[in-house]
């Protein structure tokens, strides 16, 4: 059959002629050309003179062993997929072969069962690469002032709201689930405002113990509490003229909420342990993944502070509500990681994109970014297939999701008898789902 009629070319490299005969018969197919070499030196000459898609080589080939041959193949043509074979491959051989770019390492005693499926999988990768050799989707140009991208209607509306509110000094409340990028929105509000030449300081209200949060925000005088060895300026003083981002504002203790309210009203505050009144011109952008209106109703958040903060609310949608942005974000993260670590460019196959679109993304954009980072670290080729997407194990099993929902409803138990019947009804409905 003329070479042009073959779809794929496989090169077998092994000094054992009986094995070459067996593998040729085991793998023969109408559209597959099988070439054979009994030495690694001959194999390199074949690779240099003809098109080869897949190489199956024994670790014990001579004059170059399997690892040396693999390295030389990669140097000649990194697109060639290589699978190494051994009687009993050592841990070192497996790790080193994988590091050098081998698609797989197989034990010869298992080839009767494993060889054909592994070879078929390799040719699927090769075919997917051919299909992927199309003009790439152009990613949005990087903008130093906002590090979020998206072309869905819902996220574009969010960007428009940022543009409208940024020039003012109005307090902004950014709401949304964890991992949606609330701090990036806060940074964008600052960068597009007249305050952009001054400080942008972020503080996580839920990460600082209650007894230290007030000092962190407003500063303290020497000796005002145990460990206060010297006077310290707080974030409001440091951020004068700039923007202070209060993340997880819903976790702020009410004792501190009172002082935040005063700053919002007239810009004045006092350090811990001082009677001196200070002033600071700071714009507040707060963020929360809680329903603050509900927290107010439960008495856990001050109503007057809620209305002071919520002059303009920017709600960030979860990733599941902007699925058309998932391929764009995934490609962005892959390219950024490749540049950062000096990796070869990695592409997503159509099947991989569909897999990403259909995932639940309970961790939102942060989970997607971490998934792409794992994919880069574990990539066996320049093309990611659906099976190459390494999703993290969900912290909530199906049973755990039910328990979480029940615990949430228990936490919502009404304080009076009026709503108890409705609450019990919802609890039973959730239990029966």
Protein backbone atom coordinates (compact mmCIF):
# COMPACT_ATOMS: atom_id res chain seq x y z
CA UNK A 1 0.00 0.00 0.00
CA UNK A 2 1.45 3.45 -0.90
CA UNK A 3 2.52 5.58 2.07
CA UNK A 4 -0.08 8.24 1.24
CA UNK A 5 -2.85 5.73 1.98
CA UNK A 6 -1.75 5.19 5.57
CA UNK A 7 -3.37 7.38 8.20
CA UNK A 8 -0.79 6.72 10.96
CA UNK A 9 2.76 5.38 11.23
CA UNK A 10 4.02 3.28 14.15
CA UNK A 11 7.70 2.50 14.73
CA UNK A 12 8.58 -0.60 16.79
CA UNK A 13 12.09 -0.65 18.31
CA UNK A 14 13.34 -3.84 20.00
CA UNK A 15 16.31 -6.19 19.60
CA UNK A 16 13.98 -9.19 20.07
CA UNK A 17 12.81 -10.17 16.57
CA UNK A 18 10.15 -12.51 17.99
CA UNK A 19 8.64 -9.59 19.90
CA UNK A 20 8.67 -7.42 16.75
CA UNK A 21 6.79 -10.18 14.89
CA UNK A 22 4.23 -10.57 17.67
CA UNK A 23 3.63 -6.81 18.09
CA UNK A 24 3.27 -6.34 14.33
CA UNK A 25 0.55 -8.99 14.13
CA UNK A 26 -1.11 -7.80 17.36
CA UNK A 27 -1.37 -4.15 16.23
CA UNK A 28 -1.88 -4.45 12.46
CA UNK A 29 -4.75 -2.40 11.07
CA UNK A 30 -5.80 -1.39 7.54
CA UNK A 31 -4.79 2.28 7.86
CA UNK A 32 -1.68 1.76 10.04
CA UNK A 33 1.85 1.53 8.64
CA UNK A 34 4.15 -0.41 11.00
CA UNK A 35 7.90 0.06 10.73
CA UNK A 36 10.45 -2.07 12.64
CA UNK A 37 13.99 -1.53 13.90
CA UNK A 38 16.23 -3.79 15.98
CA UNK A 39 18.43 -0.96 17.28
CA UNK A 40 17.93 2.58 18.54
CA UNK A 41 20.49 3.90 16.06
CA UNK A 42 18.45 2.58 13.13
CA UNK A 43 15.30 4.01 14.70
CA UNK A 44 16.76 7.52 14.75
CA UNK A 45 17.67 7.23 11.06
CA UNK A 46 14.08 6.19 10.25
CA UNK A 47 12.68 9.11 12.26
CA UNK A 48 14.98 11.47 10.40
CA UNK A 49 13.90 10.25 6.96
CA UNK A 50 10.17 9.51 7.26
CA UNK A 51 7.08 10.66 9.12
CA UNK A 52 6.52 8.73 12.35
CA UNK A 53 3.56 9.36 14.69
CA UNK A 54 4.14 6.83 17.47
CA UNK A 55 7.22 4.97 18.75
CA UNK A 56 7.15 1.81 20.88
CA UNK A 57 10.65 1.18 22.21
CA UNK A 58 12.20 -1.27 24.67
CA UNK A 59 14.24 0.14 27.56
CA UNK A 60 17.13 -2.20 26.69
CA UNK A 61 17.66 -1.00 23.11
CA UNK A 62 21.24 -0.43 21.95
CA UNK A 63 23.42 1.56 21.43
CA UNK A 64 21.11 4.06 23.15
CA UNK A 65 18.85 2.76 25.91
CA UNK A 66 15.17 3.68 26.03
CA UNK A 67 15.69 6.91 27.99
CA UNK A 68 18.47 8.11 25.70
CA UNK A 69 16.39 7.26 22.66
CA UNK A 70 13.41 9.10 24.12
CA UNK A 71 15.50 12.23 24.70
CA UNK A 72 16.88 12.12 21.15
CA UNK A 73 13.40 11.62 19.68
CA UNK A 74 12.09 14.58 21.65
CA UNK A 75 15.01 16.69 20.41
CA UNK A 76 14.28 15.76 16.78
CA UNK A 77 10.48 16.03 16.92
CA UNK A 78 8.65 16.64 20.20
CA UNK A 79 5.31 15.84 18.50
CA UNK A 80 6.18 12.14 18.20
CA UNK A 81 4.42 10.15 20.92
CA UNK A 82 6.70 7.64 22.62
CA UNK A 83 5.83 4.63 24.78
CA UNK A 84 8.58 2.66 26.52
CA UNK A 85 8.48 -1.06 27.30
CA UNK A 86 10.31 -3.06 29.97
CA UNK A 87 10.16 -6.45 31.64
CA UNK A 88 9.99 -4.90 35.09
CA UNK A 89 10.48 -1.11 34.93
CA UNK A 90 12.02 0.39 38.05
CA UNK A 91 10.55 3.36 39.88
CA UNK A 92 13.45 5.48 38.65
CA UNK A 93 12.84 4.45 35.03
CA UNK A 94 9.13 5.25 35.23
CA UNK A 95 9.67 8.68 36.81
CA UNK A 96 12.54 9.61 34.50
CA UNK A 97 10.67 8.45 31.38
CA UNK A 98 7.61 10.44 32.38
CA UNK A 99 9.76 13.48 33.12
CA UNK A 100 11.34 13.26 29.68
CA UNK A 101 7.93 13.14 28.00
CA UNK A 102 7.03 9.47 27.51
CA UNK A 103 3.33 8.89 27.04
CA UNK A 104 3.43 5.67 29.06
CA UNK A 105 5.68 2.91 30.42
CA UNK A 106 4.36 -0.63 30.03
CA UNK A 107 5.41 -3.97 31.46
CA UNK A 108 5.96 -6.52 28.71
CA UNK A 109 4.20 -9.30 30.60
CA UNK A 110 0.96 -7.29 30.47
CA UNK A 111 1.12 -6.33 26.78
CA UNK A 112 -1.43 -8.96 25.71
CA UNK A 113 -4.07 -6.93 27.55
CA UNK A 114 -2.65 -3.40 27.65
CA UNK A 115 -0.82 -2.77 24.39
CA UNK A 116 -3.70 -2.31 21.98
CA UNK A 117 -5.82 0.00 24.22
CA UNK A 118 -2.78 2.14 25.07
CA UNK A 119 -1.78 2.43 21.40
CA UNK A 120 -5.35 3.29 20.38
CA UNK A 121 -5.45 5.97 23.07
CA UNK A 122 -2.15 7.38 21.79
CA UNK A 123 -3.49 7.61 18.25
CA UNK A 124 -6.59 9.38 19.56
CA UNK A 125 -4.26 12.01 21.05
CA UNK A 126 -2.43 12.30 17.74
CA UNK A 127 -5.72 12.76 15.87
CA UNK A 128 -6.89 15.35 18.39
CA UNK A 129 -3.67 17.29 17.86
CA UNK A 130 -4.27 17.32 14.13
CA UNK A 131 -7.78 18.65 14.71
CA UNK A 132 -6.44 21.29 17.06
CA UNK A 133 -4.07 22.73 14.44
CA UNK A 134 -6.52 25.54 13.68
CA UNK A 135 -6.34 29.30 14.28
CA UNK A 136 -6.47 29.90 18.02
CA UNK A 137 -9.12 31.98 19.71
CA UNK A 138 -7.72 35.41 20.40
CA UNK A 139 -7.73 36.18 24.10
CA UNK A 140 -8.69 39.64 25.34
CA UNK A 141 -5.72 41.97 25.65
CA UNK A 142 -4.32 42.14 29.17
CA UNK A 143 -5.34 45.24 31.08
CA UNK A 144 -3.14 46.11 34.03
CA UNK A 145 -6.01 47.86 35.77
CA UNK A 146 -8.43 44.93 35.84
CA UNK A 147 -7.27 41.33 35.89
CA UNK A 148 -10.65 39.76 35.14
CA UNK A 149 -11.70 38.57 31.70
CA UNK A 150 -15.03 37.43 30.35
CA UNK A 151 -17.27 37.93 27.36
CA UNK A 152 -20.58 36.65 28.75
CA UNK A 153 -23.37 39.19 28.99
CA UNK A 154 -23.64 38.84 32.77
CA UNK A 155 -19.95 39.57 33.45
CA UNK A 156 -19.87 42.38 30.90
CA UNK A 157 -22.73 44.04 32.78
CA UNK A 158 -20.63 43.72 35.96
CA UNK A 159 -17.72 45.49 34.25
CA UNK A 160 -20.05 48.29 33.13
CA UNK A 161 -21.20 48.78 36.72
CA UNK A 162 -17.56 49.03 37.83
CA UNK A 163 -17.00 51.73 35.23
CA UNK A 164 -20.00 53.73 36.41
CA UNK A 165 -19.27 53.58 40.15
CA UNK A 166 -15.46 53.88 40.10
CA UNK A 167 -15.19 57.68 39.55
CA UNK A 168 -17.30 58.43 42.64
CA UNK A 169 -16.39 58.04 46.30
CA UNK A 170 -19.49 55.98 47.11
CA UNK A 171 -18.93 52.89 49.30
CA UNK A 172 -19.27 49.66 47.32
CA UNK A 173 -20.41 46.25 48.52
CA UNK A 174 -19.15 43.36 46.39
CA UNK A 175 -21.15 40.16 46.91
CA UNK A 176 -20.72 36.69 45.51
CA UNK A 177 -19.62 33.17 46.30
CA UNK A 178 -16.06 32.34 47.35
CA UNK A 179 -13.67 32.17 44.43
CA UNK A 180 -15.58 34.47 42.08
CA UNK A 181 -12.96 37.25 42.17
CA UNK A 182 -14.39 39.84 44.56
CA UNK A 183 -10.99 41.33 45.39
CA UNK A 184 -10.24 41.78 41.68
CA UNK A 185 -13.43 43.84 41.35
CA UNK A 186 -12.38 45.94 44.36
CA UNK A 187 -8.99 46.53 42.73
CA UNK A 188 -10.71 47.56 39.51
CA UNK A 189 -12.91 50.07 41.36
CA UNK A 190 -9.74 51.57 42.83
CA UNK A 191 -7.71 51.54 39.61
CA UNK A 192 -10.42 53.34 37.64
CA UNK A 193 -11.01 55.93 40.37
CA UNK A 194 -9.27 59.27 41.06
CA UNK A 195 -7.61 57.50 44.03
CA UNK A 196 -5.58 55.11 41.89
CA UNK A 197 -2.26 56.91 42.61
CA UNK A 198 -2.75 56.27 46.34
CA UNK A 199 -2.80 53.08 48.39
CA UNK A 200 -5.08 50.10 47.86
CA UNK A 201 -5.00 48.00 51.05
CA UNK A 202 -6.88 44.74 51.48
CA UNK A 203 -7.68 43.15 54.83
CA UNK A 204 -9.55 39.92 55.48
CA UNK A 205 -11.86 40.53 58.42
CA UNK A 206 -12.42 36.81 58.94
CA UNK A 207 -8.72 35.95 59.12
CA UNK A 208 -7.80 38.22 62.05
CA UNK A 209 -8.82 37.42 65.66
CA UNK A 210 -11.58 39.69 66.96
CA UNK A 211 -9.36 41.19 69.66
CA UNK A 212 -6.74 42.22 67.09
CA UNK A 213 -8.96 43.41 64.24
CA UNK A 214 -9.68 46.79 65.84
CA UNK A 215 -5.96 47.43 66.29
CA UNK A 216 -5.26 46.32 62.72
CA UNK A 217 -7.78 48.80 61.34
CA UNK A 218 -7.36 51.79 63.65
CA UNK A 219 -3.90 51.32 65.20
CA UNK A 220 -2.99 51.36 68.89
CA UNK A 221 -0.98 53.22 71.49
CA UNK A 222 1.99 51.75 73.33
CA UNK A 223 0.85 49.69 76.31
CA UNK A 224 -2.82 49.69 75.28
CA UNK A 225 -2.88 45.90 75.54
CA UNK A 226 -0.49 43.02 76.17
CA UNK A 227 2.07 42.95 73.42
CA UNK A 228 1.58 46.58 72.34
CA UNK A 229 5.25 47.50 72.65
CA UNK A 230 5.03 50.67 70.56
CA UNK A 231 2.52 52.97 68.91
CA UNK A 232 1.27 51.56 65.63
CA UNK A 233 -0.66 53.21 62.82
CA UNK A 234 -3.67 51.29 61.57
CA UNK A 235 -4.86 50.64 58.05
CA UNK A 236 -7.08 53.73 57.98
CA UNK A 237 -4.08 55.98 58.61
CA UNK A 238 -1.91 54.12 56.10
CA UNK A 239 -4.63 54.26 53.47
CA UNK A 240 -5.42 57.99 53.71
CA UNK A 241 -6.45 59.15 50.22
CA UNK A 242 -6.76 55.60 48.93
CA UNK A 243 -9.11 52.62 49.00
CA UNK A 244 -9.51 50.16 51.87
CA UNK A 245 -10.90 46.77 50.89
CA UNK A 246 -12.65 44.97 53.76
CA UNK A 247 -13.01 41.36 52.68
CA UNK A 248 -15.45 39.04 54.48
CA UNK A 249 -17.10 42.02 56.16
CA UNK A 250 -19.85 39.72 57.40
CA UNK A 251 -17.39 38.17 59.86
CA UNK A 252 -16.56 41.50 61.51
CA UNK A 253 -17.49 41.66 65.24
CA UNK A 254 -20.12 44.22 66.16
CA UNK A 255 -17.73 46.10 68.43
CA UNK A 256 -15.66 46.96 65.38
CA UNK A 257 -18.72 47.56 63.20
CA UNK A 258 -19.57 50.56 65.38
CA UNK A 259 -16.22 52.21 64.73
CA UNK A 260 -16.42 51.46 60.97
CA UNK A 261 -19.81 53.17 60.94
CA UNK A 262 -18.31 56.28 62.52
CA UNK A 263 -15.55 56.44 59.90
CA UNK A 264 -18.13 56.16 57.13
CA UNK A 265 -20.18 58.96 58.68
CA UNK A 266 -17.50 61.59 59.31
CA UNK A 267 -14.08 60.04 58.60
CA UNK A 268 -13.03 60.09 62.28
CA UNK A 269 -11.66 57.34 64.52
CA UNK A 270 -9.33 56.76 67.48
CA UNK A 271 -6.46 54.38 68.01
CA UNK A 272 -6.94 51.63 70.60
CA UNK A 273 -5.95 53.08 73.97
CA UNK A 274 -6.18 56.73 72.86
CA UNK A 275 -8.72 59.51 73.28
CA UNK A 276 -7.26 61.46 70.38
CA UNK A 277 -9.61 61.78 67.40
CA UNK A 278 -7.97 61.22 64.03
CA UNK A 279 -9.39 61.58 60.55
CA UNK A 280 -8.73 59.81 57.31
CA UNK A 281 -10.08 60.18 53.77
CA UNK A 282 -10.61 56.55 52.79
CA UNK A 283 -12.99 54.95 50.33
CA UNK A 284 -14.45 51.69 51.62
CA UNK A 285 -15.06 48.72 49.35
CA UNK A 286 -16.40 45.73 51.27
CA UNK A 287 -17.00 42.16 50.15
CA UNK A 288 -18.93 39.22 51.50
CA UNK A 289 -20.08 35.74 50.50
CA UNK A 290 -22.87 35.98 53.08
CA UNK A 291 -26.37 37.36 52.70
CA UNK A 292 -25.90 40.52 54.77
CA UNK A 293 -29.61 41.36 54.70
CA UNK A 294 -30.24 38.02 56.39
CA UNK A 295 -27.41 38.64 58.85
CA UNK A 296 -29.08 41.95 59.74
CA UNK A 297 -32.42 40.21 60.26
CA UNK A 298 -30.74 37.72 62.59
CA UNK A 299 -29.12 40.53 64.58
CA UNK A 300 -25.58 39.53 63.61
CA UNK A 301 -24.81 42.61 61.51
CA UNK A 302 -25.70 46.23 62.21
CA UNK A 303 -28.51 47.50 60.02
CA UNK A 304 -27.17 51.07 59.91
CA UNK A 305 -23.74 49.84 58.76
CA UNK A 306 -25.34 47.60 56.16
CA UNK A 307 -27.05 50.56 54.51
CA UNK A 308 -23.89 52.67 54.74
CA UNK A 309 -21.86 50.00 52.99
CA UNK A 310 -24.48 49.01 50.46
CA UNK A 311 -24.69 52.31 48.60
CA UNK A 312 -23.78 50.43 45.42
CA UNK A 313 -23.79 46.64 45.30
CA UNK A 314 -21.82 44.76 42.65
CA UNK A 315 -22.83 41.11 42.55
CA UNK A 316 -20.35 38.68 41.00
CA UNK A 317 -22.10 35.71 39.37
CA UNK A 318 -20.86 32.16 40.06
CA UNK A 319 -18.95 30.47 37.25
CA UNK A 320 -21.85 28.10 36.57
CA UNK A 321 -23.91 31.13 35.48
CA UNK A 322 -21.29 32.25 32.94
CA UNK A 323 -20.29 28.95 31.34
CA UNK A 324 -19.49 30.60 28.01
CA UNK A 325 -16.52 32.25 29.76
CA UNK A 326 -15.03 28.94 30.92
CA UNK A 327 -13.00 28.13 27.73
CA UNK A 328 -11.71 31.71 27.63
CA UNK A 329 -10.65 31.63 31.27
CA UNK A 330 -9.09 28.17 30.94
CA UNK A 331 -7.00 29.23 27.92
CA UNK A 332 -5.98 32.41 29.74
CA UNK A 333 -4.76 30.46 32.77
CA UNK A 334 -2.92 27.92 30.59
CA UNK A 335 -1.09 30.62 28.66
CA UNK A 336 -0.20 32.55 31.80
CA UNK A 337 1.15 29.41 33.48
CA UNK A 338 3.15 28.48 30.38
CA UNK A 339 4.78 31.92 30.34
CA UNK A 340 5.43 31.88 34.08
CA UNK A 341 7.15 28.48 34.15
CA UNK A 342 8.67 28.50 30.65
CA UNK A 343 6.51 25.59 29.49
CA UNK A 344 5.56 24.69 25.94
CA UNK A 345 2.16 26.02 24.94
CA UNK A 346 -0.64 23.68 25.98
CA UNK A 347 -3.95 23.56 24.15
CA UNK A 348 -7.38 22.24 25.08
CA UNK A 349 -9.12 19.70 22.88
CA UNK A 350 -12.81 20.12 22.09
CA UNK A 351 -13.67 17.25 24.44
CA UNK A 352 -11.67 18.87 27.24
CA UNK A 353 -13.52 22.15 26.76
CA UNK A 354 -16.87 20.33 26.93
CA UNK A 355 -15.73 18.61 30.13
CA UNK A 356 -14.80 21.96 31.67
CA UNK A 357 -18.13 23.50 30.66
CA UNK A 358 -20.08 20.67 32.25
CA UNK A 359 -18.24 20.66 35.59
CA UNK A 360 -20.07 22.13 38.61
CA UNK A 361 -17.26 24.52 39.67
CA UNK A 362 -18.35 24.86 43.27
CA UNK A 363 -15.05 26.69 43.85
CA UNK A 364 -15.73 29.04 40.92
CA UNK A 365 -12.88 30.77 39.06
CA UNK A 366 -10.37 29.93 41.77
CA UNK A 367 -11.10 26.21 41.30
CA UNK A 368 -10.74 26.57 37.52
CA UNK A 369 -7.37 28.29 37.90
CA UNK A 370 -6.13 25.57 40.25
CA UNK A 371 -7.39 22.87 37.86
CA UNK A 372 -5.43 24.40 34.99
CA UNK A 373 -2.33 24.61 37.19
CA UNK A 374 -2.58 20.88 37.96
CA UNK A 375 -3.16 20.14 34.27
CA UNK A 376 0.04 22.01 33.36
CA UNK A 377 2.03 20.20 36.03
CA UNK A 378 0.78 16.76 34.94
CA UNK A 379 0.48 17.31 31.16
CA UNK A 380 1.87 14.43 29.10
CA UNK A 381 1.56 16.28 25.80
CA UNK A 382 0.84 19.72 24.39
CA UNK A 383 -2.84 18.86 24.02
CA UNK A 384 -5.16 18.27 26.97
CA UNK A 385 -7.87 15.68 26.41
CA UNK A 386 -10.95 15.22 28.55
CA UNK A 387 -9.22 12.49 30.59
CA UNK A 388 -6.29 14.82 31.26
CA UNK A 389 -8.38 17.31 33.28
CA UNK A 390 -7.38 16.60 36.91
CA UNK A 391 -10.39 17.76 38.90
CA UNK A 392 -9.82 18.01 42.62
CA UNK A 393 -11.93 15.75 44.80
CA UNK A 394 -14.94 17.68 46.03
CA UNK A 395 -14.86 18.38 49.78
CA UNK A 396 -18.53 17.50 49.82
CA UNK A 397 -19.71 14.06 48.80
CA UNK A 398 -23.35 13.62 47.81
CA UNK A 399 -24.13 12.69 51.40
CA UNK A 400 -22.07 15.62 52.62
CA UNK A 401 -24.05 18.00 50.44
CA UNK A 402 -27.26 16.83 52.07
CA UNK A 403 -25.75 17.21 55.54
CA UNK A 404 -24.52 20.68 54.67
CA UNK A 405 -27.96 21.70 53.45
CA UNK A 406 -29.59 20.33 56.58
CA UNK A 407 -27.11 22.14 58.82
CA UNK A 408 -27.80 25.35 56.95
CA UNK A 409 -31.54 24.97 57.49
CA UNK A 410 -30.99 24.18 61.16
CA UNK A 411 -29.00 27.41 61.46
CA UNK A 412 -31.97 29.23 59.94
CA UNK A 413 -34.35 27.99 62.61
CA UNK A 414 -36.77 30.83 63.39
CA UNK A 415 -36.67 32.60 66.72
CA UNK A 416 -40.45 32.61 67.10
CA UNK A 417 -43.20 30.04 66.66
CA UNK A 418 -44.84 31.90 63.78
CA UNK A 419 -42.46 30.57 61.13
CA UNK A 420 -41.67 27.23 62.75
CA UNK A 421 -44.15 25.22 60.64
CA UNK A 422 -42.76 26.63 57.40
CA UNK A 423 -39.21 25.94 58.56
CA UNK A 424 -40.01 22.29 59.44
CA UNK A 425 -41.63 21.86 56.03
CA UNK A 426 -38.49 23.10 54.25
CA UNK A 427 -36.33 20.88 56.43
CA UNK A 428 -38.33 17.81 55.45
CA UNK A 429 -38.28 18.77 51.76
CA UNK A 430 -34.49 19.09 51.84
CA UNK A 431 -34.14 15.76 53.63
CA UNK A 432 -36.30 14.00 50.99
CA UNK A 433 -34.41 15.47 47.97
